[in-house]
Structures are given as C-alpha cells and as structure tokens.
Amino acid sequence: MTFTTVPDLPRLQRASPDLAAIIEYVLTGKSPDGAHSAEVIQKDAVDCYIDKDGLRYHVQDSRRRYPNSVIPIIMQIAVPDSLRTQVLDGFREKLDHFRL
C-alpha cells in the first residue's frame, strides 16, 4: 500500500488539527477566529491545493522565490498527524536507517 492509497486520507487530513483550518479556509473561505491565526492561514493557503478527491497538497514552487530557477514545481501530500510516525518509520526502513 502506498501513502496515497490510505483509506480515508482526506478525512484524516481534515481531522488533523494543524491541517483542518487551512483546508476549511480553502474550501469555504472561512477564516479562523483571531487576527493572527487568520493571517497565517491566508498566507499558507497560497501554497495549498486540494484535488478532486479532497486530498490536500502543499505546492512548492521555487520560481516564486527564484524566478530564473529550473527546479520544477513539487506537489507534497500533507501528512495528517495521525500518520506522521508511520510515514517517518517507512522512510527509515526504505533508507536502511536504524530506528531511534
């Protein structure tokens, strides 16, 4: 099973405290309470993409910072907090690193 085939990944992303507010903002335009929180969410939303299946990605576009860059745009799946340990353990196993 790959990470993108995790059952209910979009639901897990929406249940993750650090991802829920930005997903709600992108989908509905509703900002969280508090001026600072709203400002942070609005700034982060620029780099957020939600596909047709509801899966949230972070878009890394180096050309914004370095206009003459030839580095491609990278789509990174936003990992919900409930799966972060599993994902990191999987990387360690794939890279033959010992467990901490």
C-alpha atoms as a PDB file:
ATOM      1  CA  MET A   1       0.000   0.000   0.000  1.00  0.00           C
ATOM      2  CA  THR A   2       1.290   3.451  -0.869  1.00  0.00           C
ATOM      3  CA  PHE A   3       0.584   6.569   1.098  1.00  0.00           C
ATOM      4  CA  THR A   4      -1.907   7.856  -1.470  1.00  0.00           C
ATOM      5  CA  THR A   5      -3.998   4.682  -1.124  1.00  0.00           C
ATOM      6  CA  VAL A   6      -4.527   5.063   2.633  1.00  0.00           C
ATOM      7  CA  PRO A   7      -8.254   4.695   3.185  1.00  0.00           C
ATOM      8  CA  ASP A   8      -9.912   7.974   4.145  1.00  0.00           C
ATOM      9  CA  LEU A   9      -6.744  10.062   3.768  1.00  0.00           C
ATOM     10  CA  PRO A  10      -8.753  13.235   3.027  1.00  0.00           C
ATOM     11  CA  ARG A  11     -10.830  12.603   6.168  1.00  0.00           C
ATOM     12  CA  LEU A  12      -7.668  12.078   8.235  1.00  0.00           C
ATOM     13  CA  GLN A  13      -6.242  15.338   6.863  1.00  0.00           C
ATOM     14  CA  ARG A  14      -9.397  17.208   7.917  1.00  0.00           C
ATOM     15  CA  ALA A  15      -9.211  15.664  11.408  1.00  0.00           C
ATOM     16  CA  SER A  16      -5.589  16.757  11.850  1.00  0.00           C
ATOM     17  CA  PRO A  17      -5.520  19.934  13.999  1.00  0.00           C
ATOM     18  CA  ASP A  18      -2.746  21.600  12.013  1.00  0.00           C
ATOM     19  CA  LEU A  19      -4.352  20.917   8.616  1.00  0.00           C
ATOM     20  CA  ALA A  20      -8.064  21.399   9.360  1.00  0.00           C
ATOM     21  CA  ALA A  21      -8.140  25.200   9.479  1.00  0.00           C
ATOM     22  CA  ILE A  22      -6.342  25.727   6.167  1.00  0.00           C
ATOM     23  CA  ILE A  23      -8.486  23.088   4.433  1.00  0.00           C
ATOM     24  CA  GLU A  24     -11.652  24.772   5.701  1.00  0.00           C
ATOM     25  CA  TYR A  25     -10.354  28.159   4.561  1.00  0.00           C
ATOM     26  CA  VAL A  26      -9.502  26.912   1.056  1.00  0.00           C
ATOM     27  CA  LEU A  27     -12.840  25.122   0.640  1.00  0.00           C
ATOM     28  CA  THR A  28     -15.178  27.667   2.263  1.00  0.00           C
ATOM     29  CA  GLY A  29     -13.248  30.917   2.651  1.00  0.00           C
ATOM     30  CA  LYS A  30     -13.963  30.889   6.401  1.00  0.00           C
ATOM     31  CA  SER A  31     -11.012  32.172   8.450  1.00  0.00           C
ATOM     32  CA  PRO A  32     -10.368  31.022  12.000  1.00  0.00           C
ATOM     33  CA  ASP A  33     -11.041  33.371  14.912  1.00  0.00           C
ATOM     34  CA  GLY A  34      -8.199  35.692  15.788  1.00  0.00           C
ATOM     35  CA  ALA A  35      -6.409  38.111  13.510  1.00  0.00           C
ATOM     36  CA  HIS A  36      -3.033  36.360  13.754  1.00  0.00           C
ATOM     37  CA  SER A  37      -4.459  32.896  13.003  1.00  0.00           C
ATOM     38  CA  ALA A  38      -6.447  34.240  10.061  1.00  0.00           C
ATOM     39  CA  GLU A  39      -3.380  35.992   8.654  1.00  0.00           C
ATOM     40  CA  VAL A  40      -1.240  32.847   8.915  1.00  0.00           C
ATOM     41  CA  ILE A  41      -3.932  30.678   7.285  1.00  0.00           C
ATOM     42  CA  GLN A  42      -4.425  33.134   4.420  1.00  0.00           C
ATOM     43  CA  LYS A  43      -0.666  33.271   3.796  1.00  0.00           C
ATOM     44  CA  ASP A  44      -0.334  29.474   3.851  1.00  0.00           C
ATOM     45  CA  ALA A  45      -3.364  28.969   1.597  1.00  0.00           C
ATOM     46  CA  VAL A  46      -1.380  30.304  -1.359  1.00  0.00           C
ATOM     47  CA  ASP A  47       0.664  27.083  -1.302  1.00  0.00           C
ATOM     48  CA  CYS A  48      -2.308  24.768  -0.775  1.00  0.00           C
ATOM     49  CA  TYR A  49      -4.003  22.623  -3.424  1.00  0.00           C
ATOM     50  CA  ILE A  50      -6.953  20.293  -2.880  1.00  0.00           C
ATOM     51  CA  ASP A  51      -7.582  17.792  -5.667  1.00  0.00           C
ATOM     52  CA  LYS A  52     -10.916  16.419  -6.929  1.00  0.00           C
ATOM     53  CA  ASP A  53     -10.819  13.630  -4.330  1.00  0.00           C
ATOM     54  CA  GLY A  54     -10.361  16.112  -1.481  1.00  0.00           C
ATOM     55  CA  LEU A  55      -6.693  15.298  -0.907  1.00  0.00           C
ATOM     56  CA  ARG A  56      -4.644  18.283   0.320  1.00  0.00           C
ATOM     57  CA  TYR A  57      -1.218  19.023  -1.128  1.00  0.00           C
ATOM     58  CA  HIS A  58       1.433  21.605  -0.374  1.00  0.00           C
ATOM     59  CA  VAL A  59       2.695  23.161  -3.599  1.00  0.00           C
ATOM     60  CA  GLN A  60       6.391  24.009  -3.520  1.00  0.00           C
ATOM     61  CA  ASP A  61       7.151  26.443  -6.320  1.00  0.00           C
ATOM     62  CA  SER A  62      10.752  27.629  -6.182  1.00  0.00           C
ATOM     63  CA  ARG A  63      10.090  30.016  -9.047  1.00  0.00           C
ATOM     64  CA  ARG A  64       8.291  32.390  -6.652  1.00  0.00           C
ATOM     65  CA  ARG A  65      11.471  32.869  -4.694  1.00  0.00           C
ATOM     66  CA  TYR A  66      13.932  32.352  -7.558  1.00  0.00           C
ATOM     67  CA  PRO A  67      12.286  33.447 -10.842  1.00  0.00           C
ATOM     68  CA  ASN A  68      15.091  32.072 -13.024  1.00  0.00           C
ATOM     69  CA  SER A  69      15.089  28.670 -11.330  1.00  0.00           C
ATOM     70  CA  VAL A  70      14.734  25.482 -13.358  1.00  0.00           C
ATOM     71  CA  ILE A  71      13.603  23.492 -10.316  1.00  0.00           C
ATOM     72  CA  PRO A  72      10.169  22.010 -11.030  1.00  0.00           C
ATOM     73  CA  ILE A  73       7.005  22.576  -9.048  1.00  0.00           C
ATOM     74  CA  ILE A  74       6.698  19.878  -6.384  1.00  0.00           C
ATOM     75  CA  MET A  75       3.370  18.602  -5.054  1.00  0.00           C
ATOM     76  CA  GLN A  76       3.747  17.285  -1.499  1.00  0.00           C
ATOM     77  CA  ILE A  77       0.920  15.402   0.203  1.00  0.00           C
ATOM     78  CA  ALA A  78       0.049  16.976   3.540  1.00  0.00           C
ATOM     79  CA  VAL A  79       0.558  14.207   6.098  1.00  0.00           C
ATOM     80  CA  PRO A  80      -2.018  14.186   8.902  1.00  0.00           C
ATOM     81  CA  ASP A  81      -0.633  13.985  12.423  1.00  0.00           C
ATOM     82  CA  SER A  82      -2.149  10.526  12.926  1.00  0.00           C
ATOM     83  CA  LEU A  83       0.093   9.093  10.172  1.00  0.00           C
ATOM     84  CA  ARG A  84       3.352  11.014  10.639  1.00  0.00           C
ATOM     85  CA  THR A  85       5.072   8.353  12.731  1.00  0.00           C
ATOM     86  CA  GLN A  86       4.164   5.646  10.200  1.00  0.00           C
ATOM     87  CA  VAL A  87       5.449   7.755   7.309  1.00  0.00           C
ATOM     88  CA  LEU A  88       8.745   8.536   9.044  1.00  0.00           C
ATOM     89  CA  ASP A  89       9.203   4.887  10.038  1.00  0.00           C
ATOM     90  CA  GLY A  90       8.589   3.885   6.429  1.00  0.00           C
ATOM     91  CA  PHE A  91      11.273   6.279   5.200  1.00  0.00           C
ATOM     92  CA  ARG A  92      13.732   4.937   7.757  1.00  0.00           C
ATOM     93  CA  GLU A  93      13.058   1.365   6.655  1.00  0.00           C
ATOM     94  CA  LYS A  94      13.405   2.224   2.973  1.00  0.00           C
ATOM     95  CA  LEU A  95      16.671   4.047   3.588  1.00  0.00           C
ATOM     96  CA  ASP A  96      18.065   1.273   5.827  1.00  0.00           C
ATOM     97  CA  HIS A  97      18.483   3.600   8.761  1.00  0.00           C
ATOM     98  CA  PHE A  98      18.360   2.121  12.216  1.00  0.00           C
ATOM     99  CA  ARG A  99      15.443   3.004  14.456  1.00  0.00           C
ATOM    100  CA  LEU A 100      15.946   5.548  17.178  1.00  0.00           C
END
